[in-house]
Amino acid sequence: MAVTLLGVSKDLCLPQAQWVNMLSLARHFGWEPQGARPRRDLGFSDEGYEFSAYQQVADEDAKAFADALERARSEFVRRGWDEADESEVETCDIPVPATFGLRYTYGHPVPQDDFAMCSKKMLAAMCQRMDALIALCRESGFVIS
């Protein structure tokens, strides 16, 4: 399952679990979600961010989300996690999944809260995803579809 973020000039598609983990990471670095505006005209009422229901994320909220992800990105760089190699990272205090992939509970993806020997190659790939997401958020708000 994937989430597509519809921006003004570009879209970004992320696997559901990666999107949920980006949300968790941003919250860890100070993002306080304002709540997305649901598309009631389409029968949706979900104000959350985790699942795609054509919610509108306001410009101000998208900017705050990007600010938090930039703080996370800076921390990754400070720790040397933006450079891919075959080494592994010990468990630490940042809520990033051990696999940056899927973990399911009752059919729904759930973020994992530790690295559990995550490879730096995987973390470098996460940095690239953060860069793309930050760029989309800097343009304007977006729709979660």
Protein backbone atom coordinates (compact mmCIF):
# COMPACT_ATOMS: atom_id res chain seq x y z
CA MET A 1 0.00 0.00 0.00
CA ALA A 2 1.31 3.44 -0.89
CA VAL A 3 0.55 7.07 -0.14
CA THR A 4 0.85 9.68 -2.87
CA LEU A 5 1.36 13.27 -1.81
CA LEU A 6 -0.07 15.61 -4.43
CA GLY A 7 1.85 18.87 -4.49
CA VAL A 8 1.47 21.97 -6.63
CA SER A 9 4.12 21.11 -9.22
CA LYS A 10 5.15 17.57 -8.27
CA ASP A 11 3.89 14.48 -6.51
CA LEU A 12 5.70 12.06 -4.23
CA CYS A 13 4.78 8.42 -3.73
CA LEU A 14 5.91 6.63 -0.57
CA PRO A 15 5.16 3.17 0.76
CA GLN A 16 2.63 3.48 3.58
CA ALA A 17 5.09 2.40 6.27
CA GLN A 18 7.72 4.92 5.13
CA TRP A 19 5.14 7.71 5.21
CA VAL A 20 4.07 6.76 8.75
CA ASN A 21 7.72 6.66 9.80
CA MET A 22 8.38 10.11 8.30
CA LEU A 23 5.44 11.43 10.34
CA SER A 24 6.90 9.85 13.48
CA LEU A 25 10.35 11.23 12.74
CA ALA A 26 8.96 14.75 12.19
CA ARG A 27 7.02 14.59 15.46
CA HIS A 28 10.20 13.50 17.25
CA PHE A 29 11.92 16.62 15.90
CA GLY A 30 9.23 19.03 17.05
CA TRP A 31 6.45 18.99 14.45
CA GLU A 32 3.03 19.53 15.98
CA PRO A 33 0.45 18.55 13.35
CA GLN A 34 -2.41 20.99 12.87
CA GLY A 35 -4.71 18.32 11.54
CA ALA A 36 -5.42 17.77 7.87
CA ARG A 37 -8.68 18.97 6.33
CA PRO A 38 -10.72 15.95 5.27
CA ARG A 39 -12.60 15.79 1.96
CA ARG A 40 -16.13 15.57 3.31
CA ASP A 41 -17.49 15.98 -0.22
CA LEU A 42 -15.94 12.58 -0.98
CA GLY A 43 -17.35 11.05 2.20
CA PHE A 44 -14.10 11.17 4.20
CA SER A 45 -13.88 12.47 7.75
CA ASP A 46 -10.34 11.48 8.77
CA GLU A 47 -8.27 14.46 9.95
CA GLY A 48 -5.21 12.30 10.52
CA TYR A 49 -2.21 11.97 8.27
CA GLU A 50 -1.40 8.28 8.38
CA PHE A 51 -3.77 6.98 5.72
CA SER A 52 -4.73 8.39 2.34
CA ALA A 53 -8.22 9.89 2.25
CA TYR A 54 -7.57 13.00 0.15
CA GLN A 55 -6.87 15.14 3.22
CA GLN A 56 -5.53 18.63 2.55
CA VAL A 57 -2.41 19.62 4.50
CA ALA A 58 -2.27 23.41 4.86
CA ASP A 59 0.73 25.45 3.67
CA GLU A 60 1.70 26.41 7.23
CA ASP A 61 1.52 22.79 8.42
CA ALA A 62 3.56 21.57 5.44
CA LYS A 63 6.23 24.19 6.20
CA ALA A 64 6.40 23.13 9.86
CA PHE A 65 6.63 19.49 8.73
CA ALA A 66 9.55 20.40 6.43
CA ASP A 67 11.27 22.32 9.25
CA ALA A 68 11.12 19.25 11.51
CA LEU A 69 12.39 16.96 8.74
CA GLU A 70 15.28 19.37 8.11
CA ARG A 71 16.21 19.13 11.80
CA ALA A 72 16.09 15.34 11.48
CA ARG A 73 18.18 15.48 8.31
CA SER A 74 20.77 17.66 10.06
CA GLU A 75 20.99 15.12 12.87
CA PHE A 76 21.47 12.30 10.35
CA VAL A 77 24.31 14.27 8.74
CA ARG A 78 25.86 15.07 12.14
CA ARG A 79 25.90 11.34 12.91
CA GLY A 80 27.27 10.45 9.46
CA TRP A 81 24.13 8.55 8.44
CA ASP A 82 23.74 10.33 5.11
CA GLU A 83 26.63 8.41 3.53
CA ALA A 84 25.87 4.91 2.33
CA ASP A 85 28.24 2.14 3.31
CA GLU A 86 27.97 -1.42 4.57
CA SER A 87 28.37 -0.60 8.25
CA GLU A 88 25.53 -0.80 10.72
CA VAL A 89 24.17 1.62 13.31
CA GLU A 90 23.50 0.56 16.87
CA THR A 91 20.10 1.11 18.45
CA CYS A 92 19.59 4.78 19.30
CA ASP A 93 17.05 7.35 20.42
CA ILE A 94 15.56 8.43 17.06
CA PRO A 95 12.28 6.77 16.01
CA VAL A 96 13.26 5.32 12.66
CA PRO A 97 12.32 1.78 11.71
CA ALA A 98 14.88 -0.96 11.83
CA THR A 99 14.04 -1.89 8.27
CA PHE A 100 12.66 1.45 6.99
CA GLY A 101 10.15 -0.93 5.54
CA LEU A 102 7.08 -2.73 6.66
CA ARG A 103 5.94 -3.91 10.02
CA TYR A 104 2.26 -4.78 10.32
CA THR A 105 -0.12 -5.04 13.24
CA TYR A 106 -3.59 -6.28 12.36
CA GLY A 107 -2.94 -5.45 8.71
CA HIS A 108 -1.84 -1.84 9.32
CA PRO A 109 1.74 -0.55 9.03
CA VAL A 110 3.20 0.65 12.31
CA PRO A 111 6.43 2.62 12.85
CA GLN A 112 9.21 0.89 14.69
CA ASP A 113 11.03 2.85 17.35
CA ASP A 114 14.60 1.64 17.07
CA PHE A 115 17.25 0.86 14.54
CA ALA A 116 18.12 -2.67 15.68
CA MET A 117 21.32 -2.69 13.64
CA CYS A 118 20.05 -0.68 10.70
CA SER A 119 22.50 -0.31 7.80
CA LYS A 120 23.89 3.07 6.88
CA LYS A 121 22.90 2.33 3.29
CA MET A 122 19.27 2.22 4.39
CA LEU A 123 19.65 5.44 6.39
CA ALA A 124 21.23 7.19 3.40
CA ALA A 125 18.22 6.14 1.31
CA MET A 126 15.97 7.58 3.99
CA CYS A 127 17.88 10.87 3.74
CA GLN A 128 17.09 10.97 0.01
CA ARG A 129 13.39 10.42 0.76
CA MET A 130 13.53 13.20 3.36
CA ASP A 131 15.07 15.53 0.77
CA ALA A 132 12.23 14.84 -1.68
CA LEU A 133 9.59 15.28 0.99
CA ILE A 134 11.13 18.51 2.28
CA ALA A 135 11.18 19.93 -1.27
CA LEU A 136 7.51 19.07 -1.79
CA CYS A 137 6.52 20.64 1.56
CA ARG A 138 8.50 23.82 0.87
CA GLU A 139 6.43 24.49 -2.27
CA SER A 140 3.08 24.53 -0.49
CA GLY A 141 0.54 22.36 1.23
CA PHE A 142 -0.38 19.04 -0.34
CA VAL A 143 -3.09 16.42 -0.56
CA ILE A 144 -2.62 12.94 0.93
CA SER A 145 -4.06 10.51 -1.63
